[in-house]
PDB file of N, CA and C in Angstrom:
ATOM      1  N   GLU A   1       0.830  -1.194   0.000  1.00  0.00           N
ATOM      2  CA  GLU A   1       0.000   0.000   0.000  1.00  0.00           C
ATOM      3  C   GLU A   1       0.880   1.266   0.000  1.00  0.00           C
ATOM      4  N   LEU A   2       1.922   1.272   0.835  1.00  0.00           N
ATOM      5  CA  LEU A   2       2.807   2.440   0.914  1.00  0.00           C
ATOM      6  C   LEU A   2       3.565   2.636  -0.400  1.00  0.00           C
ATOM      7  N   PHE A   3       3.960   1.562  -1.045  1.00  0.00           N
ATOM      8  CA  PHE A   3       4.656   1.663  -2.325  1.00  0.00           C
ATOM      9  C   PHE A   3       3.776   2.387  -3.344  1.00  0.00           C
ATOM     10  N   GLU A   4       2.528   1.992  -3.436  1.00  0.00           N
ATOM     11  CA  GLU A   4       1.605   2.613  -4.395  1.00  0.00           C
ATOM     12  C   GLU A   4       1.400   4.090  -4.077  1.00  0.00           C
ATOM     13  N   LYS A   5       1.293   4.432  -2.805  1.00  0.00           N
ATOM     14  CA  LYS A   5       1.122   5.836  -2.408  1.00  0.00           C
ATOM     15  C   LYS A   5       2.366   6.656  -2.756  1.00  0.00           C
ATOM     16  N   ALA A   6       3.541   6.088  -2.546  1.00  0.00           N
ATOM     17  CA  ALA A   6       4.785   6.787  -2.867  1.00  0.00           C
ATOM     18  C   ALA A   6       4.920   6.980  -4.375  1.00  0.00           C
ATOM     19  N   LEU A   7       4.589   5.973  -5.151  1.00  0.00           N
ATOM     20  CA  LEU A   7       4.664   6.058  -6.610  1.00  0.00           C
ATOM     21  C   LEU A   7       3.673   7.105  -7.128  1.00  0.00           C
ATOM     22  N   THR A   8       2.477   7.109  -6.589  1.00  0.00           N
ATOM     23  CA  THR A   8       1.472   8.104  -6.981  1.00  0.00           C
ATOM     24  C   THR A   8       1.945   9.509  -6.632  1.00  0.00           C
ATOM     25  N   ALA A   9       2.533   9.682  -5.451  1.00  0.00           N
ATOM     26  CA  ALA A   9       3.038  10.991  -5.042  1.00  0.00           C
ATOM     27  C   ALA A   9       4.125  11.479  -5.988  1.00  0.00           C
ATOM     28  N   ALA A  10       5.047  10.603  -6.367  1.00  0.00           N
ATOM     29  CA  ALA A  10       6.120  10.970  -7.293  1.00  0.00           C
ATOM     30  C   ALA A  10       5.536  11.413  -8.635  1.00  0.00           C
ATOM     31  N   GLN A  11       4.532  10.720  -9.102  1.00  0.00           N
ATOM     32  CA  GLN A  11       3.901  11.071 -10.372  1.00  0.00           C
ATOM     33  C   GLN A  11       3.142  12.392 -10.265  1.00  0.00           C
ATOM     34  N   GLU A  12       2.463  12.625  -9.136  1.00  0.00           N
ATOM     35  CA  GLU A  12       1.730  13.873  -8.939  1.00  0.00           C
ATOM     36  C   GLU A  12       2.679  15.069  -8.821  1.00  0.00           C
ATOM     37  N   LEU A  13       3.890  14.830  -8.307  1.00  0.00           N
ATOM     38  CA  LEU A  13       4.898  15.882  -8.228  1.00  0.00           C
ATOM     39  C   LEU A  13       5.572  16.110  -9.585  1.00  0.00           C
ATOM     40  N   LYS A  14       5.150  15.329 -10.572  1.00  0.00           N
ATOM     41  CA  LYS A  14       5.672  15.407 -11.942  1.00  0.00           C
ATOM     42  C   LYS A  14       7.161  15.060 -12.027  1.00  0.00           C
ATOM     43  N   TRP A  15       7.593  14.166 -11.123  1.00  0.00           N
ATOM     44  CA  TRP A  15       8.950  13.640 -11.223  1.00  0.00           C
ATOM     45  C   TRP A  15       8.985  12.658 -12.383  1.00  0.00           C
ATOM     46  N   ASN A  16      10.125  12.551 -13.027  1.00  0.00           N
ATOM     47  CA  ASN A  16      10.318  11.565 -14.081  1.00  0.00           C
ATOM     48  C   ASN A  16      10.736  10.252 -13.409  1.00  0.00           C
ATOM     49  N   VAL A  17       9.809   9.323 -13.283  1.00  0.00           N
ATOM     50  CA  VAL A  17      10.106   8.039 -12.642  1.00  0.00           C
ATOM     51  C   VAL A  17      10.924   7.197 -13.629  1.00  0.00           C
ATOM     52  N   VAL A  18      12.170   6.944 -13.253  1.00  0.00           N
ATOM     53  CA  VAL A  18      13.105   6.227 -14.120  1.00  0.00           C
ATOM     54  C   VAL A  18      12.941   4.723 -13.964  1.00  0.00           C
ATOM     55  N   SER A  19      12.748   4.265 -12.726  1.00  0.00           N
ATOM     56  CA  SER A  19      12.519   2.840 -12.479  1.00  0.00           C
ATOM     57  C   SER A  19      11.771   2.680 -11.165  1.00  0.00           C
ATOM     58  N   SER A  20      11.055   1.575 -11.071  1.00  0.00           N
ATOM     59  CA  SER A  20      10.362   1.259  -9.823  1.00  0.00           C
ATOM     60  C   SER A  20      10.238  -0.255  -9.715  1.00  0.00           C
ATOM     61  N   SER A  21      10.381  -0.740  -8.493  1.00  0.00           N
ATOM     62  CA  SER A  21      10.271  -2.168  -8.239  1.00  0.00           C
ATOM     63  C   SER A  21       9.536  -2.381  -6.922  1.00  0.00           C
ATOM     64  N   ARG A  22       8.321  -2.863  -7.038  1.00  0.00           N
ATOM     65  CA  ARG A  22       7.534  -3.145  -5.832  1.00  0.00           C
ATOM     66  C   ARG A  22       8.233  -4.218  -4.993  1.00  0.00           C
ATOM     67  N   GLU A  23       8.800  -5.230  -5.660  1.00  0.00           N
ATOM     68  CA  GLU A  23       9.457  -6.331  -4.960  1.00  0.00           C
ATOM     69  C   GLU A  23      10.658  -5.843  -4.141  1.00  0.00           C
ATOM     70  N   GLU A  24      11.412  -4.891  -4.700  1.00  0.00           N
ATOM     71  CA  GLU A  24      12.579  -4.340  -3.994  1.00  0.00           C
ATOM     72  C   GLU A  24      12.207  -3.164  -3.110  1.00  0.00           C
ATOM     73  N   GLY A  25      10.993  -2.654  -3.247  1.00  0.00           N
ATOM     74  CA  GLY A  25      10.569  -1.495  -2.475  1.00  0.00           C
ATOM     75  C   GLY A  25      11.379  -0.257  -2.830  1.00  0.00           C
ATOM     76  N   ARG A  26      11.613  -0.053  -4.128  1.00  0.00           N
ATOM     77  CA  ARG A  26      12.479   1.039  -4.570  1.00  0.00           C
ATOM     78  C   ARG A  26      11.870   1.778  -5.745  1.00  0.00           C
ATOM     79  N   ILE A  27      11.939   3.123  -5.669  1.00  0.00           N
ATOM     80  CA  ILE A  27      11.512   3.988  -6.767  1.00  0.00           C
ATOM     81  C   ILE A  27      12.653   4.962  -7.022  1.00  0.00           C
ATOM     82  N   GLU A  28      13.049   5.101  -8.276  1.00  0.00           N
ATOM     83  CA  GLU A  28      14.082   6.062  -8.641  1.00  0.00           C
ATOM     84  C   GLU A  28      13.469   7.064  -9.608  1.00  0.00           C
ATOM     85  N   ALA A  29      13.733   8.348  -9.364  1.00  0.00           N
ATOM     86  CA  ALA A  29      13.138   9.397 -10.185  1.00  0.00           C
ATOM     87  C   ALA A  29      14.101  10.565 -10.326  1.00  0.00           C
ATOM     88  N   THR A  30      13.755  11.455 -11.240  1.00  0.00           N
ATOM     89  CA  THR A  30      14.512  12.679 -11.443  1.00  0.00           C
ATOM     90  C   THR A  30      13.545  13.856 -11.386  1.00  0.00           C
ATOM     91  N   ASP A  31      13.956  14.896 -10.676  1.00  0.00           N
ATOM     92  CA  ASP A  31      13.185  16.134 -10.612  1.00  0.00           C
ATOM     93  C   ASP A  31      14.032  17.220 -11.263  1.00  0.00           C
ATOM     94  N   GLU A  32      13.400  18.243 -11.764  1.00  0.00           N
ATOM     95  CA  GLU A  32      14.119  19.323 -12.440  1.00  0.00           C
ATOM     96  C   GLU A  32      13.777  20.646 -11.764  1.00  0.00           C
ATOM     97  N   THR A  33      14.794  21.451 -11.452  1.00  0.00           N
ATOM     98  CA  THR A  33      14.568  22.741 -10.809  1.00  0.00           C
ATOM     99  C   THR A  33      13.924  23.706 -11.803  1.00  0.00           C
ATOM    100  N   LEU A  34      13.118  24.620 -11.275  1.00  0.00           N
ATOM    101  CA  LEU A  34      12.430  25.580 -12.122  1.00  0.00           C
ATOM    102  C   LEU A  34      13.376  26.621 -12.711  1.00  0.00           C
ATOM    103  N   TRP A  35      14.317  27.100 -11.911  1.00  0.00           N
ATOM    104  CA  TRP A  35      15.147  28.219 -12.348  1.00  0.00           C
ATOM    105  C   TRP A  35      16.048  27.889 -13.517  1.00  0.00           C
ATOM    106  N   TRP A  36      16.885  26.881 -13.373  1.00  0.00           N
ATOM    107  CA  TRP A  36      17.883  26.594 -14.398  1.00  0.00           C
ATOM    108  C   TRP A  36      17.754  25.199 -14.998  1.00  0.00           C
ATOM    109  N   GLY A  37      16.766  24.457 -14.591  1.00  0.00           N
ATOM    110  CA  GLY A  37      16.566  23.126 -15.142  1.00  0.00           C
ATOM    111  C   GLY A  37      17.571  22.094 -14.671  1.00  0.00           C
ATOM    112  N   PHE A  38      18.209  22.356 -13.507  1.00  0.00           N
ATOM    113  CA  PHE A  38      19.146  21.375 -12.955  1.00  0.00           C
ATOM    114  C   PHE A  38      18.390  20.115 -12.565  1.00  0.00           C
ATOM    115  N   LYS A  39      19.053  18.984 -12.688  1.00  0.00           N
ATOM    116  CA  LYS A  39      18.446  17.691 -12.346  1.00  0.00           C
ATOM    117  C   LYS A  39      18.806  17.286 -10.924  1.00  0.00           C
ATOM    118  N   ASP A  40      17.808  16.792 -10.197  1.00  0.00           N
ATOM    119  CA  ASP A  40      17.994  16.202  -8.878  1.00  0.00           C
ATOM    120  C   ASP A  40      17.572  14.742  -8.971  1.00  0.00           C
ATOM    121  N   ASP A  41      18.414  13.840  -8.500  1.00  0.00           N
ATOM    122  CA  ASP A  41      18.085  12.420  -8.468  1.00  0.00           C
ATOM    123  C   ASP A  41      17.420  12.094  -7.141  1.00  0.00           C
ATOM    124  N   VAL A  42      16.316  11.377  -7.197  1.00  0.00           N
ATOM    125  CA  VAL A  42      15.534  11.024  -6.014  1.00  0.00           C
ATOM    126  C   VAL A  42      15.433   9.499  -5.927  1.00  0.00           C
ATOM    127  N   VAL A  43      15.673   8.966  -4.731  1.00  0.00           N
ATOM    128  CA  VAL A  43      15.500   7.529  -4.493  1.00  0.00           C
ATOM    129  C   VAL A  43      14.567   7.360  -3.304  1.00  0.00           C
ATOM    130  N   ILE A  44      13.545   6.552  -3.483  1.00  0.00           N
ATOM    131  CA  ILE A  44      12.592   6.233  -2.419  1.00  0.00           C
ATOM    132  C   ILE A  44      12.754   4.756  -2.110  1.00  0.00           C
ATOM    133  N   ARG A  45      12.951   4.448  -0.816  1.00  0.00           N
ATOM    134  CA  ARG A  45      13.064   3.045  -0.395  1.00  0.00           C
ATOM    135  C   ARG A  45      11.990   2.766   0.653  1.00  0.00           C
ATOM    136  N   ILE A  46      11.370   1.612   0.522  1.00  0.00           N
ATOM    137  CA  ILE A  46      10.329   1.193   1.449  1.00  0.00           C
ATOM    138  C   ILE A  46      10.683  -0.191   1.966  1.00  0.00           C
ATOM    139  N   GLN A  47      10.696  -0.324   3.300  1.00  0.00           N
ATOM    140  CA  GLN A  47      11.024  -1.611   3.923  1.00  0.00           C
ATOM    141  C   GLN A  47       9.966  -1.955   4.960  1.00  0.00           C
ATOM    142  N   ALA A  48       9.679  -3.246   5.071  1.00  0.00           N
ATOM    143  CA  ALA A  48       8.784  -3.703   6.128  1.00  0.00           C
ATOM    144  C   ALA A  48       9.471  -3.483   7.468  1.00  0.00           C
ATOM    145  N   GLU A  49       8.704  -3.001   8.440  1.00  0.00           N
ATOM    146  CA  GLU A  49       9.248  -2.781   9.779  1.00  0.00           C
ATOM    147  C   GLU A  49       8.146  -3.048  10.798  1.00  0.00           C
ATOM    148  N   GLY A  50       8.303  -4.133  11.530  1.00  0.00           N
ATOM    149  CA  GLY A  50       7.274  -4.505  12.499  1.00  0.00           C
ATOM    150  C   GLY A  50       5.958  -4.769  11.799  1.00  0.00           C
ATOM    151  N   ALA A  51       4.891  -4.156  12.296  1.00  0.00           N
ATOM    152  CA  ALA A  51       3.575  -4.330  11.691  1.00  0.00           C
ATOM    153  C   ALA A  51       3.334  -3.323  10.572  1.00  0.00           C
ATOM    154  N   GLY A  52       4.318  -2.454  10.282  1.00  0.00           N
ATOM    155  CA  GLY A  52       4.139  -1.428   9.264  1.00  0.00           C
ATOM    156  C   GLY A  52       5.273  -1.392   8.270  1.00  0.00           C
ATOM    157  N   SER A  53       5.571  -0.203   7.816  1.00  0.00           N
ATOM    158  CA  SER A  53       6.623  -0.003   6.821  1.00  0.00           C
ATOM    159  C   SER A  53       7.434   1.238   7.148  1.00  0.00           C
ATOM    160  N   LYS A  54       8.669   1.251   6.667  1.00  0.00           N
ATOM    161  CA  LYS A  54       9.559   2.398   6.843  1.00  0.00           C
ATOM    162  C   LYS A  54       9.798   3.014   5.470  1.00  0.00           C
ATOM    163  N   LEU A  55       9.645   4.349   5.378  1.00  0.00           N
ATOM    164  CA  LEU A  55       9.828   5.075   4.131  1.00  0.00           C
ATOM    165  C   LEU A  55      11.072   5.943   4.244  1.00  0.00           C
ATOM    166  N   ASP A  56      11.973   5.822   3.280  1.00  0.00           N
ATOM    167  CA  ASP A  56      13.214   6.610   3.263  1.00  0.00           C
ATOM    168  C   ASP A  56      13.303   7.276   1.896  1.00  0.00           C
ATOM    169  N   ILE A  57      13.421   8.606   1.882  1.00  0.00           N
ATOM    170  CA  ILE A  57      13.518   9.347   0.628  1.00  0.00           C
ATOM    171  C   ILE A  57      14.796  10.172   0.664  1.00  0.00           C
ATOM    172  N   ARG A  58      15.592  10.050  -0.387  1.00  0.00           N
ATOM    173  CA  ARG A  58      16.837  10.813  -0.484  1.00  0.00           C
ATOM    174  C   ARG A  58      16.898  11.483  -1.846  1.00  0.00           C
ATOM    175  N   SER A  59      17.476  12.682  -1.854  1.00  0.00           N
ATOM    176  CA  SER A  59      17.603  13.429  -3.085  1.00  0.00           C
ATOM    177  C   SER A  59      18.969  14.086  -3.128  1.00  0.00           C
ATOM    178  N   MET A  60      19.533  14.161  -4.327  1.00  0.00           N
ATOM    179  CA  MET A  60      20.851  14.762  -4.484  1.00  0.00           C
ATOM    180  C   MET A  60      20.931  15.485  -5.813  1.00  0.00           C
ATOM    181  N   SER A  61      21.467  16.698  -5.765  1.00  0.00           N
ATOM    182  CA  SER A  61      21.670  17.460  -6.997  1.00  0.00           C
ATOM    183  C   SER A  61      22.792  16.825  -7.799  1.00  0.00           C
ATOM    184  N   ARG A  62      22.664  16.852  -9.100  1.00  0.00           N
ATOM    185  CA  ARG A  62      23.715  16.317  -9.967  1.00  0.00           C
ATOM    186  C   ARG A  62      24.872  17.298 -10.111  1.00  0.00           C
ATOM    187  N   VAL A  63      24.587  18.591  -9.970  1.00  0.00           N
ATOM    188  CA  VAL A  63      25.618  19.613 -10.164  1.00  0.00           C
ATOM    189  C   VAL A  63      25.594  20.615  -9.017  1.00  0.00           C
ATOM    190  N   GLY A  64      26.699  21.328  -8.845  1.00  0.00           N
ATOM    191  CA  GLY A  64      26.758  22.417  -7.887  1.00  0.00           C
ATOM    192  C   GLY A  64      26.983  21.973  -6.459  1.00  0.00           C
ATOM    193  N   LYS A  65      27.187  22.966  -5.616  1.00  0.00           N
ATOM    194  CA  LYS A  65      27.439  22.701  -4.204  1.00  0.00           C
ATOM    195  C   LYS A  65      26.220  22.978  -3.341  1.00  0.00           C
ATOM    196  N   SER A  66      25.275  23.752  -3.837  1.00  0.00           N
ATOM    197  CA  SER A  66      24.084  24.090  -3.065  1.00  0.00           C
ATOM    198  C   SER A  66      22.859  23.846  -3.924  1.00  0.00           C
ATOM    199  N   ASP A  67      21.804  23.357  -3.290  1.00  0.00           N
ATOM    200  CA  ASP A  67      20.559  23.146  -4.010  1.00  0.00           C
ATOM    201  C   ASP A  67      19.497  24.160  -3.562  1.00  0.00           C
ATOM    202  N   ILE A  68      19.916  25.155  -2.788  1.00  0.00           N
ATOM    203  CA  ILE A  68      19.033  26.214  -2.288  1.00  0.00           C
ATOM    204  C   ILE A  68      17.841  25.628  -1.526  1.00  0.00           C
ATOM    205  N   GLY A  69      18.068  24.505  -0.842  1.00  0.00           N
ATOM    206  CA  GLY A  69      17.031  23.882  -0.019  1.00  0.00           C
ATOM    207  C   GLY A  69      16.047  23.012  -0.774  1.00  0.00           C
ATOM    208  N   LYS A  70      16.239  22.834  -2.060  1.00  0.00           N
ATOM    209  CA  LYS A  70      15.299  22.073  -2.891  1.00  0.00           C
ATOM    210  C   LYS A  70      15.193  20.615  -2.457  1.00  0.00           C
ATOM    211  N   ASN A  71      16.321  19.970  -2.161  1.00  0.00           N
ATOM    212  CA  ASN A  71      16.274  18.557  -1.792  1.00  0.00           C
ATOM    213  C   ASN A  71      15.519  18.330  -0.496  1.00  0.00           C
ATOM    214  N   ALA A  72      15.718  19.192   0.484  1.00  0.00           N
ATOM    215  CA  ALA A  72      14.997  19.046   1.741  1.00  0.00           C
ATOM    216  C   ALA A  72      13.505  19.273   1.551  1.00  0.00           C
ATOM    217  N   GLU A  73      13.173  20.187   0.640  1.00  0.00           N
ATOM    218  CA  GLU A  73      11.767  20.470   0.351  1.00  0.00           C
ATOM    219  C   GLU A  73      11.089  19.217  -0.188  1.00  0.00           C
TER     220      GLU A  73
END
């Protein structure tokens, strides 16, 4: 259930979903900044934990030293 919600959220955010695997609990996507069109790589991992699931989302800019807070957003 959490995998489907995460995949839907990525699509609604208009991220370019590059790959997804329900079995591995992994979604990989790319987002593009509005100002200069820089690419940010996003990885979503979902793991079973107890009676629920754990969601981990990480993002990293491909270029530059600062993302002006975009990844945390």
